[in-house]
Amino acid sequence: MGEFFDNVFRYPRYFISLGLGIFYSIYEWIRPLFRDRLTSIALVGIIVGFFAFIYFTLTAMLGLTPA
Protein backbone atom coordinates (compact mmCIF):
# COMPACT_ATOMS: atom_id res chain seq x y z
CA MET A 1 0.00 0.00 0.00
CA GLY A 2 2.92 2.34 0.68
CA GLU A 3 4.19 1.89 -2.87
CA PHE A 4 0.78 2.94 -4.17
CA PHE A 5 0.89 6.26 -2.34
CA ASP A 6 4.51 6.84 -3.38
CA ASN A 7 3.39 6.40 -6.96
CA VAL A 8 0.39 8.72 -6.50
CA PHE A 9 2.59 11.44 -5.02
CA ARG A 10 4.84 11.34 -8.10
CA TYR A 11 2.05 12.53 -10.41
CA PRO A 12 2.14 16.25 -9.41
CA ARG A 13 5.88 16.34 -10.04
CA TYR A 14 5.34 14.66 -13.40
CA PHE A 15 2.65 17.18 -14.45
CA ILE A 16 4.79 20.12 -13.34
CA SER A 17 7.81 18.89 -15.29
CA LEU A 18 5.63 18.12 -18.31
CA GLY A 19 4.09 21.60 -18.27
CA LEU A 20 7.46 23.31 -17.84
CA GLY A 21 8.91 21.25 -20.67
CA ILE A 22 6.09 22.23 -23.01
CA PHE A 23 6.37 25.93 -22.15
CA TYR A 24 10.16 25.82 -22.50
CA SER A 25 10.04 24.18 -25.92
CA ILE A 26 7.44 26.73 -27.13
CA TYR A 27 9.60 29.54 -25.74
CA GLU A 28 12.69 28.25 -27.53
CA TRP A 29 10.69 28.01 -30.76
CA ILE A 30 9.31 31.58 -30.50
CA ARG A 31 12.40 33.33 -29.08
CA PRO A 32 14.13 33.95 -32.44
CA LEU A 33 11.02 35.77 -33.67
CA PHE A 34 11.52 38.54 -31.09
CA ARG A 35 14.76 39.79 -32.68
CA ASP A 36 12.93 41.89 -35.28
CA ARG A 37 10.80 44.76 -33.93
CA LEU A 38 7.94 44.40 -36.42
CA THR A 39 7.71 40.65 -35.89
CA SER A 40 7.72 41.19 -32.12
CA ILE A 41 4.80 43.61 -32.30
CA ALA A 42 2.85 41.27 -34.58
CA LEU A 43 3.56 38.27 -32.34
CA VAL A 44 2.46 40.09 -29.18
CA GLY A 45 -0.70 41.22 -30.99
CA ILE A 46 -1.46 37.66 -32.05
CA ILE A 47 -0.93 36.34 -28.52
CA VAL A 48 -3.12 39.06 -26.96
CA GLY A 49 -5.76 38.49 -29.62
CA PHE A 50 -5.72 34.74 -28.95
CA PHE A 51 -6.29 35.21 -25.22
CA ALA A 52 -9.01 37.80 -25.86
CA PHE A 53 -10.73 35.37 -28.25
CA ILE A 54 -10.61 32.60 -25.63
CA TYR A 55 -11.91 34.96 -22.92
CA PHE A 56 -14.85 36.26 -24.94
CA THR A 57 -15.72 32.81 -26.26
CA LEU A 58 -15.78 31.27 -22.79
CA THR A 59 -17.80 34.13 -21.27
CA ALA A 60 -20.36 33.82 -24.07
CA MET A 61 -20.53 30.03 -23.83
CA LEU A 62 -20.90 30.06 -20.04
CA GLY A 63 -23.41 32.89 -20.02
CA LEU A 64 -21.31 35.08 -17.73
CA THR A 65 -22.35 38.72 -17.82
CA PRO A 66 -20.80 41.66 -15.99
CA ALA A 67 -22.75 42.79 -12.92
C-alpha atoms as a PDB file:
ATOM      1  CA  MET A   1       0.000   0.000   0.000  1.00  0.00           C
ATOM      2  CA  GLY A   2       2.919   2.338   0.676  1.00  0.00           C
ATOM      3  CA  GLU A   3       4.192   1.892  -2.866  1.00  0.00           C
ATOM      4  CA  PHE A   4       0.780   2.943  -4.174  1.00  0.00           C
ATOM      5  CA  PHE A   5       0.893   6.265  -2.344  1.00  0.00           C
ATOM      6  CA  ASP A   6       4.510   6.839  -3.379  1.00  0.00           C
ATOM      7  CA  ASN A   7       3.393   6.401  -6.964  1.00  0.00           C
ATOM      8  CA  VAL A   8       0.385   8.716  -6.500  1.00  0.00           C
ATOM      9  CA  PHE A   9       2.593  11.443  -5.021  1.00  0.00           C
ATOM     10  CA  ARG A  10       4.836  11.336  -8.103  1.00  0.00           C
ATOM     11  CA  TYR A  11       2.045  12.529 -10.409  1.00  0.00           C
ATOM     12  CA  PRO A  12       2.137  16.247  -9.411  1.00  0.00           C
ATOM     13  CA  ARG A  13       5.885  16.336 -10.037  1.00  0.00           C
ATOM     14  CA  TYR A  14       5.335  14.659 -13.404  1.00  0.00           C
ATOM     15  CA  PHE A  15       2.655  17.181 -14.453  1.00  0.00           C
ATOM     16  CA  ILE A  16       4.794  20.123 -13.338  1.00  0.00           C
ATOM     17  CA  SER A  17       7.810  18.885 -15.286  1.00  0.00           C
ATOM     18  CA  LEU A  18       5.630  18.115 -18.309  1.00  0.00           C
ATOM     19  CA  GLY A  19       4.090  21.602 -18.270  1.00  0.00           C
ATOM     20  CA  LEU A  20       7.455  23.314 -17.838  1.00  0.00           C
ATOM     21  CA  GLY A  21       8.908  21.250 -20.666  1.00  0.00           C
ATOM     22  CA  ILE A  22       6.087  22.229 -23.006  1.00  0.00           C
ATOM     23  CA  PHE A  23       6.366  25.926 -22.154  1.00  0.00           C
ATOM     24  CA  TYR A  24      10.163  25.821 -22.503  1.00  0.00           C
ATOM     25  CA  SER A  25      10.037  24.184 -25.917  1.00  0.00           C
ATOM     26  CA  ILE A  26       7.442  26.726 -27.129  1.00  0.00           C
ATOM     27  CA  TYR A  27       9.600  29.542 -25.735  1.00  0.00           C
ATOM     28  CA  GLU A  28      12.686  28.250 -27.531  1.00  0.00           C
ATOM     29  CA  TRP A  29      10.689  28.013 -30.761  1.00  0.00           C
ATOM     30  CA  ILE A  30       9.308  31.578 -30.504  1.00  0.00           C
ATOM     31  CA  ARG A  31      12.399  33.335 -29.077  1.00  0.00           C
ATOM     32  CA  PRO A  32      14.132  33.947 -32.438  1.00  0.00           C
ATOM     33  CA  LEU A  33      11.020  35.768 -33.667  1.00  0.00           C
ATOM     34  CA  PHE A  34      11.523  38.542 -31.091  1.00  0.00           C
ATOM     35  CA  ARG A  35      14.760  39.787 -32.681  1.00  0.00           C
ATOM     36  CA  ASP A  36      12.928  41.891 -35.284  1.00  0.00           C
ATOM     37  CA  ARG A  37      10.797  44.757 -33.933  1.00  0.00           C
ATOM     38  CA  LEU A  38       7.936  44.400 -36.420  1.00  0.00           C
ATOM     39  CA  THR A  39       7.712  40.652 -35.890  1.00  0.00           C
ATOM     40  CA  SER A  40       7.716  41.185 -32.117  1.00  0.00           C
ATOM     41  CA  ILE A  41       4.797  43.609 -32.303  1.00  0.00           C
ATOM     42  CA  ALA A  42       2.850  41.271 -34.577  1.00  0.00           C
ATOM     43  CA  LEU A  43       3.555  38.268 -32.344  1.00  0.00           C
ATOM     44  CA  VAL A  44       2.465  40.089 -29.176  1.00  0.00           C
ATOM     45  CA  GLY A  45      -0.702  41.220 -30.989  1.00  0.00           C
ATOM     46  CA  ILE A  46      -1.463  37.658 -32.046  1.00  0.00           C
ATOM     47  CA  ILE A  47      -0.928  36.340 -28.522  1.00  0.00           C
ATOM     48  CA  VAL A  48      -3.117  39.057 -26.960  1.00  0.00           C
ATOM     49  CA  GLY A  49      -5.762  38.485 -29.621  1.00  0.00           C
ATOM     50  CA  PHE A  50      -5.722  34.744 -28.953  1.00  0.00           C
ATOM     51  CA  PHE A  51      -6.290  35.209 -25.222  1.00  0.00           C
ATOM     52  CA  ALA A  52      -9.015  37.801 -25.863  1.00  0.00           C
ATOM     53  CA  PHE A  53     -10.725  35.367 -28.247  1.00  0.00           C
ATOM     54  CA  ILE A  54     -10.608  32.597 -25.632  1.00  0.00           C
ATOM     55  CA  TYR A  55     -11.905  34.956 -22.919  1.00  0.00           C
ATOM     56  CA  PHE A  56     -14.847  36.258 -24.942  1.00  0.00           C
ATOM     57  CA  THR A  57     -15.715  32.812 -26.264  1.00  0.00           C
ATOM     58  CA  LEU A  58     -15.781  31.275 -22.789  1.00  0.00           C
ATOM     59  CA  THR A  59     -17.802  34.129 -21.267  1.00  0.00           C
ATOM     60  CA  ALA A  60     -20.359  33.816 -24.069  1.00  0.00           C
ATOM     61  CA  MET A  61     -20.526  30.031 -23.830  1.00  0.00           C
ATOM     62  CA  LEU A  62     -20.896  30.060 -20.041  1.00  0.00           C
ATOM     63  CA  GLY A  63     -23.414  32.889 -20.022  1.00  0.00           C
ATOM     64  CA  LEU A  64     -21.314  35.078 -17.727  1.00  0.00           C
ATOM     65  CA  THR A  65     -22.353  38.724 -17.821  1.00  0.00           C
ATOM     66  CA  PRO A  66     -20.801  41.663 -15.987  1.00  0.00           C
ATOM     67  CA  ALA A  67     -22.752  42.791 -12.924  1.00  0.00           C
END
